[in-house]
Amino acid sequence: MALDVNEDHKITRQEAQDFIDNFAGNVGGSEIRGGFFNKNPLIELLNQNGCIGLRYYYGTNSAGDPVLVLFGVDEQEHDIDSIILEKSSPWPPNH
């Protein structure tokens, strides 16, 4: 399936809250439920030569915490590995 660079990925605030609540209902109160990425590294990742969007992978760091690993993606649907992001600030911050 080819990636559609014009696909609209936006959802409503209510849809977002429903997804968040569904996830939160399956984890403990102190477990990581999200994170924060600064704007500049995201822009740098998306501004890579040939980048048409980003792909994320679920992962687990060495402490056993869930993480998102972000790659830019080129027109051939390959990960661009010159800039890779993961070091988000976890939420809640003191899990």
PDB file of N, CA and C in Angstrom:
ATOM      1  N   MET A   1       0.836  -1.173   0.000  1.00  0.00           N
ATOM      2  CA  MET A   1       0.000   0.000   0.000  1.00  0.00           C
ATOM      3  C   MET A   1       0.886   1.243   0.000  1.00  0.00           C
ATOM      4  N   ALA A   2       0.696   2.105  -0.940  1.00  0.00           N
ATOM      5  CA  ALA A   2       1.496   3.331  -1.034  1.00  0.00           C
ATOM      6  C   ALA A   2       1.041   4.347   0.009  1.00  0.00           C
ATOM      7  N   LEU A   3       2.005   5.062   0.532  1.00  0.00           N
ATOM      8  CA  LEU A   3       1.681   6.125   1.479  1.00  0.00           C
ATOM      9  C   LEU A   3       1.006   7.275   0.748  1.00  0.00           C
ATOM     10  N   ASP A   4      -0.005   7.849   1.367  1.00  0.00           N
ATOM     11  CA  ASP A   4      -0.715   8.990   0.801  1.00  0.00           C
ATOM     12  C   ASP A   4      -0.252  10.245   1.518  1.00  0.00           C
ATOM     13  N   VAL A   5       0.591  11.051   0.857  1.00  0.00           N
ATOM     14  CA  VAL A   5       1.145  12.248   1.502  1.00  0.00           C
ATOM     15  C   VAL A   5       0.086  13.319   1.726  1.00  0.00           C
ATOM     16  N   ASN A   6      -1.098  13.147   1.163  1.00  0.00           N
ATOM     17  CA  ASN A   6      -2.170  14.120   1.349  1.00  0.00           C
ATOM     18  C   ASN A   6      -3.244  13.653   2.327  1.00  0.00           C
ATOM     19  N   GLU A   7      -3.043  12.483   2.933  1.00  0.00           N
ATOM     20  CA  GLU A   7      -4.028  11.965   3.878  1.00  0.00           C
ATOM     21  C   GLU A   7      -4.135  12.910   5.073  1.00  0.00           C
ATOM     22  N   ASP A   8      -5.352  13.164   5.496  1.00  0.00           N
ATOM     23  CA  ASP A   8      -5.611  14.045   6.634  1.00  0.00           C
ATOM     24  C   ASP A   8      -5.681  13.190   7.895  1.00  0.00           C
ATOM     25  N   HIS A   9      -4.736  13.368   8.804  1.00  0.00           N
ATOM     26  CA  HIS A   9      -4.660  12.554  10.014  1.00  0.00           C
ATOM     27  C   HIS A   9      -5.321  13.210  11.221  1.00  0.00           C
ATOM     28  N   LYS A  10      -5.962  14.346  11.031  1.00  0.00           N
ATOM     29  CA  LYS A  10      -6.548  15.071  12.159  1.00  0.00           C
ATOM     30  C   LYS A  10      -7.770  14.331  12.710  1.00  0.00           C
ATOM     31  N   ILE A  11      -7.928  14.424  14.023  1.00  0.00           N
ATOM     32  CA  ILE A  11      -9.103  13.894  14.705  1.00  0.00           C
ATOM     33  C   ILE A  11      -9.640  14.996  15.616  1.00  0.00           C
ATOM     34  N   THR A  12     -10.818  14.780  16.156  1.00  0.00           N
ATOM     35  CA  THR A  12     -11.404  15.762  17.066  1.00  0.00           C
ATOM     36  C   THR A  12     -10.801  15.616  18.463  1.00  0.00           C
ATOM     37  N   ARG A  13     -10.975  16.641  19.284  1.00  0.00           N
ATOM     38  CA  ARG A  13     -10.509  16.574  20.678  1.00  0.00           C
ATOM     39  C   ARG A  13     -11.214  15.442  21.403  1.00  0.00           C
ATOM     40  N   GLN A  14     -12.498  15.230  21.116  1.00  0.00           N
ATOM     41  CA  GLN A  14     -13.238  14.154  21.773  1.00  0.00           C
ATOM     42  C   GLN A  14     -12.693  12.783  21.379  1.00  0.00           C
ATOM     43  N   GLU A  15     -12.402  12.594  20.090  1.00  0.00           N
ATOM     44  CA  GLU A  15     -11.807  11.324  19.662  1.00  0.00           C
ATOM     45  C   GLU A  15     -10.475  11.101  20.368  1.00  0.00           C
ATOM     46  N   ALA A  16      -9.663  12.150  20.435  1.00  0.00           N
ATOM     47  CA  ALA A  16      -8.371  12.045  21.119  1.00  0.00           C
ATOM     48  C   ALA A  16      -8.570  11.651  22.577  1.00  0.00           C
ATOM     49  N   GLN A  17      -9.505  12.310  23.250  1.00  0.00           N
ATOM     50  CA  GLN A  17      -9.743  12.009  24.662  1.00  0.00           C
ATOM     51  C   GLN A  17     -10.245  10.584  24.846  1.00  0.00           C
ATOM     52  N   ASP A  18     -11.099  10.120  23.938  1.00  0.00           N
ATOM     53  CA  ASP A  18     -11.579   8.736  24.021  1.00  0.00           C
ATOM     54  C   ASP A  18     -10.425   7.745  23.885  1.00  0.00           C
ATOM     55  N   PHE A  19      -9.516   7.976  22.932  1.00  0.00           N
ATOM     56  CA  PHE A  19      -8.355   7.093  22.759  1.00  0.00           C
ATOM     57  C   PHE A  19      -7.473   7.102  24.008  1.00  0.00           C
ATOM     58  N   ILE A  20      -7.228   8.300  24.543  1.00  0.00           N
ATOM     59  CA  ILE A  20      -6.391   8.445  25.742  1.00  0.00           C
ATOM     60  C   ILE A  20      -7.030   7.730  26.927  1.00  0.00           C
ATOM     61  N   ASP A  21      -8.341   7.925  27.105  1.00  0.00           N
ATOM     62  CA  ASP A  21      -9.051   7.276  28.212  1.00  0.00           C
ATOM     63  C   ASP A  21      -9.046   5.766  28.055  1.00  0.00           C
ATOM     64  N   ASN A  22      -9.214   5.273  26.821  1.00  0.00           N
ATOM     65  CA  ASN A  22      -9.171   3.822  26.583  1.00  0.00           C
ATOM     66  C   ASN A  22      -7.829   3.252  27.012  1.00  0.00           C
ATOM     67  N   PHE A  23      -6.745   3.930  26.657  1.00  0.00           N
ATOM     68  CA  PHE A  23      -5.405   3.460  27.028  1.00  0.00           C
ATOM     69  C   PHE A  23      -5.203   3.546  28.534  1.00  0.00           C
ATOM     70  N   ALA A  24      -5.563   4.691  29.128  1.00  0.00           N
ATOM     71  CA  ALA A  24      -5.360   4.907  30.562  1.00  0.00           C
ATOM     72  C   ALA A  24      -6.104   3.867  31.391  1.00  0.00           C
ATOM     73  N   GLY A  25      -7.225   3.374  30.884  1.00  0.00           N
ATOM     74  CA  GLY A  25      -7.977   2.354  31.595  1.00  0.00           C
ATOM     75  C   GLY A  25      -7.276   1.013  31.651  1.00  0.00           C
ATOM     76  N   ASN A  26      -6.232   0.849  30.848  1.00  0.00           N
ATOM     77  CA  ASN A  26      -5.503  -0.416  30.795  1.00  0.00           C
ATOM     78  C   ASN A  26      -4.135  -0.365  31.451  1.00  0.00           C
ATOM     79  N   VAL A  27      -3.759   0.787  32.013  1.00  0.00           N
ATOM     80  CA  VAL A  27      -2.457   0.912  32.673  1.00  0.00           C
ATOM     81  C   VAL A  27      -2.659   1.448  34.083  1.00  0.00           C
ATOM     82  N   GLY A  28      -1.643   1.252  34.922  1.00  0.00           N
ATOM     83  CA  GLY A  28      -1.694   1.766  36.281  1.00  0.00           C
ATOM     84  C   GLY A  28      -1.552   3.279  36.309  1.00  0.00           C
ATOM     85  N   GLY A  29      -1.946   3.890  37.396  1.00  0.00           N
ATOM     86  CA  GLY A  29      -1.929   5.340  37.528  1.00  0.00           C
ATOM     87  C   GLY A  29      -0.560   5.970  37.413  1.00  0.00           C
ATOM     88  N   SER A  30       0.509   5.234  37.727  1.00  0.00           N
ATOM     89  CA  SER A  30       1.851   5.820  37.684  1.00  0.00           C
ATOM     90  C   SER A  30       2.634   5.435  36.423  1.00  0.00           C
ATOM     91  N   GLU A  31       2.064   4.634  35.548  1.00  0.00           N
ATOM     92  CA  GLU A  31       2.771   4.225  34.336  1.00  0.00           C
ATOM     93  C   GLU A  31       2.804   5.351  33.311  1.00  0.00           C
ATOM     94  N   ILE A  32       3.842   5.343  32.479  1.00  0.00           N
ATOM     95  CA  ILE A  32       3.976   6.350  31.426  1.00  0.00           C
ATOM     96  C   ILE A  32       2.818   6.200  30.439  1.00  0.00           C
ATOM     97  N   ARG A  33       2.163   7.324  30.169  1.00  0.00           N
ATOM     98  CA  ARG A  33       1.024   7.322  29.248  1.00  0.00           C
ATOM     99  C   ARG A  33       1.257   8.209  28.039  1.00  0.00           C
ATOM    100  N   GLY A  34       2.367   8.914  28.024  1.00  0.00           N
ATOM    101  CA  GLY A  34       2.641   9.811  26.916  1.00  0.00           C
ATOM    102  C   GLY A  34       4.006  10.438  27.079  1.00  0.00           C
ATOM    103  N   GLY A  35       4.283  11.432  26.257  1.00  0.00           N
ATOM    104  CA  GLY A  35       5.560  12.117  26.326  1.00  0.00           C
ATOM    105  C   GLY A  35       5.524  13.407  25.527  1.00  0.00           C
ATOM    106  N   PHE A  36       6.638  14.119  25.556  1.00  0.00           N
ATOM    107  CA  PHE A  36       6.757  15.411  24.900  1.00  0.00           C
ATOM    108  C   PHE A  36       8.017  15.441  24.051  1.00  0.00           C
ATOM    109  N   PHE A  37       7.873  15.861  22.785  1.00  0.00           N
ATOM    110  CA  PHE A  37       8.997  16.111  21.897  1.00  0.00           C
ATOM    111  C   PHE A  37       9.040  17.604  21.603  1.00  0.00           C
ATOM    112  N   ASN A  38      10.216  18.205  21.717  1.00  0.00           N
ATOM    113  CA  ASN A  38      10.379  19.611  21.355  1.00  0.00           C
ATOM    114  C   ASN A  38      10.114  19.815  19.866  1.00  0.00           C
ATOM    115  N   LYS A  39       9.690  21.011  19.517  1.00  0.00           N
ATOM    116  CA  LYS A  39       9.372  21.370  18.136  1.00  0.00           C
ATOM    117  C   LYS A  39      10.587  21.281  17.210  1.00  0.00           C
ATOM    118  N   ASN A  40      11.728  21.806  17.648  1.00  0.00           N
ATOM    119  CA  ASN A  40      12.888  21.898  16.756  1.00  0.00           C
ATOM    120  C   ASN A  40      13.404  20.547  16.263  1.00  0.00           C
ATOM    121  N   PRO A  41      13.549  19.533  17.124  1.00  0.00           N
ATOM    122  CA  PRO A  41      13.988  18.242  16.591  1.00  0.00           C
ATOM    123  C   PRO A  41      12.973  17.627  15.616  1.00  0.00           C
ATOM    124  N   LEU A  42      11.686  17.856  15.852  1.00  0.00           N
ATOM    125  CA  LEU A  42      10.670  17.346  14.923  1.00  0.00           C
ATOM    126  C   LEU A  42      10.781  18.022  13.559  1.00  0.00           C
ATOM    127  N   ILE A  43      10.982  19.344  13.577  1.00  0.00           N
ATOM    128  CA  ILE A  43      11.157  20.078  12.318  1.00  0.00           C
ATOM    129  C   ILE A  43      12.411  19.594  11.603  1.00  0.00           C
ATOM    130  N   GLU A  44      13.491  19.402  12.361  1.00  0.00           N
ATOM    131  CA  GLU A  44      14.740  18.915  11.766  1.00  0.00           C
ATOM    132  C   GLU A  44      14.537  17.540  11.128  1.00  0.00           C
ATOM    133  N   LEU A  45      13.813  16.659  11.815  1.00  0.00           N
ATOM    134  CA  LEU A  45      13.532  15.326  11.274  1.00  0.00           C
ATOM    135  C   LEU A  45      12.721  15.443   9.984  1.00  0.00           C
ATOM    136  N   LEU A  46      11.676  16.272   9.982  1.00  0.00           N
ATOM    137  CA  LEU A  46      10.808  16.413   8.811  1.00  0.00           C
ATOM    138  C   LEU A  46      11.473  17.165   7.661  1.00  0.00           C
ATOM    139  N   ASN A  47      12.469  18.004   7.955  1.00  0.00           N
ATOM    140  CA  ASN A  47      13.155  18.772   6.919  1.00  0.00           C
ATOM    141  C   ASN A  47      14.312  18.019   6.264  1.00  0.00           C
ATOM    142  N   GLN A  48      14.518  16.750   6.635  1.00  0.00           N
ATOM    143  CA  GLN A  48      15.573  15.973   5.992  1.00  0.00           C
ATOM    144  C   GLN A  48      15.293  15.861   4.495  1.00  0.00           C
ATOM    145  N   ASN A  49      16.346  15.827   3.717  1.00  0.00           N
ATOM    146  CA  ASN A  49      16.228  15.703   2.268  1.00  0.00           C
ATOM    147  C   ASN A  49      15.413  14.458   1.905  1.00  0.00           C
ATOM    148  N   GLY A  50      14.347  14.647   1.135  1.00  0.00           N
ATOM    149  CA  GLY A  50      13.522  13.536   0.668  1.00  0.00           C
ATOM    150  C   GLY A  50      12.455  13.077   1.637  1.00  0.00           C
ATOM    151  N   CYS A  51      12.352  13.692   2.799  1.00  0.00           N
ATOM    152  CA  CYS A  51      11.389  13.253   3.810  1.00  0.00           C
ATOM    153  C   CYS A  51       9.976  13.691   3.423  1.00  0.00           C
ATOM    154  N   ILE A  52       9.034  12.729   3.436  1.00  0.00           N
ATOM    155  CA  ILE A  52       7.637  13.032   3.125  1.00  0.00           C
ATOM    156  C   ILE A  52       6.734  12.917   4.354  1.00  0.00           C
ATOM    157  N   GLY A  53       7.275  12.478   5.471  1.00  0.00           N
ATOM    158  CA  GLY A  53       6.486  12.308   6.685  1.00  0.00           C
ATOM    159  C   GLY A  53       7.306  11.583   7.728  1.00  0.00           C
ATOM    160  N   LEU A  54       6.635  11.087   8.758  1.00  0.00           N
ATOM    161  CA  LEU A  54       7.368  10.353   9.787  1.00  0.00           C
ATOM    162  C   LEU A  54       6.687   9.035  10.089  1.00  0.00           C
ATOM    163  N   ARG A  55       7.493   8.111  10.592  1.00  0.00           N
ATOM    164  CA  ARG A  55       7.005   6.805  11.030  1.00  0.00           C
ATOM    165  C   ARG A  55       7.429   6.640  12.474  1.00  0.00           C
ATOM    166  N   TYR A  56       6.564   6.038  13.266  1.00  0.00           N
ATOM    167  CA  TYR A  56       6.921   5.758  14.652  1.00  0.00           C
ATOM    168  C   TYR A  56       6.887   4.261  14.901  1.00  0.00           C
ATOM    169  N   TYR A  57       7.741   3.859  15.818  1.00  0.00           N
ATOM    170  CA  TYR A  57       7.786   2.483  16.288  1.00  0.00           C
ATOM    171  C   TYR A  57       7.617   2.505  17.792  1.00  0.00           C
ATOM    172  N   TYR A  58       6.892   1.537  18.324  1.00  0.00           N
ATOM    173  CA  TYR A  58       6.829   1.359  19.765  1.00  0.00           C
ATOM    174  C   TYR A  58       8.094   0.642  20.203  1.00  0.00           C
ATOM    175  N   GLY A  59       8.632   1.060  21.332  1.00  0.00           N
ATOM    176  CA  GLY A  59       9.826   0.416  21.853  1.00  0.00           C
ATOM    177  C   GLY A  59       9.815   0.422  23.370  1.00  0.00           C
ATOM    178  N   THR A  60      10.852  -0.156  23.932  1.00  0.00           N
ATOM    179  CA  THR A  60      11.054  -0.182  25.372  1.00  0.00           C
ATOM    180  C   THR A  60      12.501   0.177  25.635  1.00  0.00           C
ATOM    181  N   ASN A  61      12.734   1.144  26.525  1.00  0.00           N
ATOM    182  CA  ASN A  61      14.114   1.533  26.816  1.00  0.00           C
ATOM    183  C   ASN A  61      14.740   0.579  27.829  1.00  0.00           C
ATOM    184  N   SER A  62      15.984   0.837  28.190  1.00  0.00           N
ATOM    185  CA  SER A  62      16.715  -0.074  29.082  1.00  0.00           C
ATOM    186  C   SER A  62      16.128  -0.120  30.493  1.00  0.00           C
ATOM    187  N   ALA A  63      15.337   0.887  30.871  1.00  0.00           N
ATOM    188  CA  ALA A  63      14.671   0.887  32.181  1.00  0.00           C
ATOM    189  C   ALA A  63      13.331   0.160  32.129  1.00  0.00           C
ATOM    190  N   GLY A  64      12.942  -0.301  30.934  1.00  0.00           N
ATOM    191  CA  GLY A  64      11.677  -1.004  30.780  1.00  0.00           C
ATOM    192  C   GLY A  64      10.494  -0.093  30.505  1.00  0.00           C
ATOM    193  N   ASP A  65      10.760   1.206  30.274  1.00  0.00           N
ATOM    194  CA  ASP A  65       9.693   2.163  30.004  1.00  0.00           C
ATOM    195  C   ASP A  65       9.332   2.161  28.521  1.00  0.00           C
ATOM    196  N   PRO A  66       8.044   2.362  28.204  1.00  0.00           N
ATOM    197  CA  PRO A  66       7.653   2.446  26.801  1.00  0.00           C
ATOM    198  C   PRO A  66       8.178   3.729  26.164  1.00  0.00           C
ATOM    199  N   VAL A  67       8.567   3.643  24.900  1.00  0.00           N
ATOM    200  CA  VAL A  67       9.061   4.805  24.160  1.00  0.00           C
ATOM    201  C   VAL A  67       8.503   4.760  22.740  1.00  0.00           C
ATOM    202  N   LEU A  68       8.508   5.927  22.084  1.00  0.00           N
ATOM    203  CA  LEU A  68       8.231   6.021  20.659  1.00  0.00           C
ATOM    204  C   LEU A  68       9.538   6.370  19.975  1.00  0.00           C
ATOM    205  N   VAL A  69       9.868   5.643  18.925  1.00  0.00           N
ATOM    206  CA  VAL A  69      11.055   5.925  18.129  1.00  0.00           C
ATOM    207  C   VAL A  69      10.556   6.494  16.801  1.00  0.00           C
ATOM    208  N   LEU A  70      11.034   7.711  16.444  1.00  0.00           N
ATOM    209  CA  LEU A  70      10.545   8.416  15.264  1.00  0.00           C
ATOM    210  C   LEU A  70      11.604   8.464  14.172  1.00  0.00           C
ATOM    211  N   PHE A  71      11.200   8.146  12.954  1.00  0.00           N
ATOM    212  CA  PHE A  71      12.047   8.219  11.770  1.00  0.00           C
ATOM    213  C   PHE A  71      11.357   9.091  10.729  1.00  0.00           C
ATOM    214  N   GLY A  72      12.121   9.801   9.920  1.00  0.00           N
ATOM    215  CA  GLY A  72      11.599  10.372   8.699  1.00  0.00           C
ATOM    216  C   GLY A  72      11.428   9.238   7.699  1.00  0.00           C
ATOM    217  N   VAL A  73      10.516   9.427   6.735  1.00  0.00           N
ATOM    218  CA  VAL A  73      10.250   8.419   5.719  1.00  0.00           C
ATOM    219  C   VAL A  73      10.373   9.071   4.347  1.00  0.00           C
ATOM    220  N   ASP A  74      11.024   8.355   3.396  1.00  0.00           N
ATOM    221  CA  ASP A  74      11.176   8.901   2.051  1.00  0.00           C
ATOM    222  C   ASP A  74      10.068   8.392   1.127  1.00  0.00           C
ATOM    223  N   GLU A  75      10.083   8.836  -0.117  1.00  0.00           N
ATOM    224  CA  GLU A  75       9.032   8.484  -1.078  1.00  0.00           C
ATOM    225  C   GLU A  75       8.970   6.996  -1.387  1.00  0.00           C
ATOM    226  N   GLN A  76      10.061   6.272  -1.150  1.00  0.00           N
ATOM    227  CA  GLN A  76      10.067   4.822  -1.356  1.00  0.00           C
ATOM    228  C   GLN A  76       9.604   4.075  -0.100  1.00  0.00           C
ATOM    229  N   GLU A  77       9.119   4.834   0.883  1.00  0.00           N
ATOM    230  CA  GLU A  77       8.604   4.309   2.142  1.00  0.00           C
ATOM    231  C   GLU A  77       9.692   3.699   3.017  1.00  0.00           C
ATOM    232  N   HIS A  78      10.937   4.145   2.839  1.00  0.00           N
ATOM    233  CA  HIS A  78      12.055   3.681   3.659  1.00  0.00           C
ATOM    234  C   HIS A  78      12.307   4.658   4.799  1.00  0.00           C
ATOM    235  N   ASP A  79      12.708   4.113   5.938  1.00  0.00           N
ATOM    236  CA  ASP A  79      13.120   4.970   7.045  1.00  0.00           C
ATOM    237  C   ASP A  79      14.394   5.710   6.663  1.00  0.00           C
ATOM    238  N   ILE A  80      14.454   6.984   7.023  1.00  0.00           N
ATOM    239  CA  ILE A  80      15.671   7.784   6.844  1.00  0.00           C
ATOM    240  C   ILE A  80      16.379   7.752   8.198  1.00  0.00           C
ATOM    241  N   ASP A  81      17.606   7.237   8.214  1.00  0.00           N
ATOM    242  CA  ASP A  81      18.245   7.009   9.513  1.00  0.00           C
ATOM    243  C   ASP A  81      19.321   8.024   9.888  1.00  0.00           C
ATOM    244  N   SER A  82      19.327   9.189   9.244  1.00  0.00           N
ATOM    245  CA  SER A  82      20.323  10.193   9.634  1.00  0.00           C
ATOM    246  C   SER A  82      19.896  10.953  10.879  1.00  0.00           C
ATOM    247  N   ILE A  83      18.603  11.117  11.113  1.00  0.00           N
ATOM    248  CA  ILE A  83      18.081  11.719  12.348  1.00  0.00           C
ATOM    249  C   ILE A  83      16.985  10.788  12.855  1.00  0.00           C
ATOM    250  N   ILE A  84      17.149  10.301  14.076  1.00  0.00           N
ATOM    251  CA  ILE A  84      16.165   9.420  14.710  1.00  0.00           C
ATOM    252  C   ILE A  84      15.866  10.023  16.073  1.00  0.00           C
ATOM    253  N   LEU A  85      14.595  10.122  16.424  1.00  0.00           N
ATOM    254  CA  LEU A  85      14.209  10.721  17.701  1.00  0.00           C
ATOM    255  C   LEU A  85      13.602   9.681  18.624  1.00  0.00           C
ATOM    256  N   GLU A  86      13.910   9.822  19.911  1.00  0.00           N
ATOM    257  CA  GLU A  86      13.263   9.028  20.947  1.00  0.00           C
ATOM    258  C   GLU A  86      13.241   9.754  22.272  1.00  0.00           C
ATOM    259  N   LYS A  87      14.215  10.482  22.627  1.00  0.00           N
ATOM    260  CA  LYS A  87      14.398  11.011  23.975  1.00  0.00           C
ATOM    261  C   LYS A  87      13.310  12.013  24.357  1.00  0.00           C
ATOM    262  N   SER A  88      12.072  11.540  24.424  1.00  0.00           N
ATOM    263  CA  SER A  88      10.960  12.397  24.823  1.00  0.00           C
ATOM    264  C   SER A  88      10.950  12.550  26.342  1.00  0.00           C
ATOM    265  N   SER A  89      10.246  13.545  26.808  1.00  0.00           N
ATOM    266  CA  SER A  89      10.039  13.728  28.246  1.00  0.00           C
ATOM    267  C   SER A  89       8.772  12.962  28.609  1.00  0.00           C
ATOM    268  N   PRO A  90       8.865  11.963  29.487  1.00  0.00           N
ATOM    269  CA  PRO A  90       7.705  11.114  29.778  1.00  0.00           C
ATOM    270  C   PRO A  90       6.588  11.853  30.524  1.00  0.00           C
ATOM    271  N   TRP A  91       5.354  11.362  30.318  1.00  0.00           N
ATOM    272  CA  TRP A  91       4.212  11.861  31.052  1.00  0.00           C
ATOM    273  C   TRP A  91       3.452  10.689  31.632  1.00  0.00           C
ATOM    274  N   PRO A  92       3.123  10.617  32.895  1.00  0.00           N
ATOM    275  CA  PRO A  92       3.463  11.629  33.878  1.00  0.00           C
ATOM    276  C   PRO A  92       4.963  11.674  34.154  1.00  0.00           C
ATOM    277  N   PRO A  93       5.443  12.841  34.578  1.00  0.00           N
ATOM    278  CA  PRO A  93       6.892  13.036  34.705  1.00  0.00           C
ATOM    279  C   PRO A  93       7.565  12.218  35.796  1.00  0.00           C
ATOM    280  N   ASN A  94       6.863  11.854  36.831  1.00  0.00           N
ATOM    281  CA  ASN A  94       7.492  11.122  37.941  1.00  0.00           C
ATOM    282  C   ASN A  94       6.822   9.773  38.147  1.00  0.00           C
ATOM    283  N   HIS A  95       6.869   8.957  37.104  1.00  0.00           N
ATOM    284  CA  HIS A  95       6.187   7.661  37.169  1.00  0.00           C
ATOM    285  C   HIS A  95       6.858   6.726  38.146  1.00  0.00           C
TER     286      HIS A  95
END
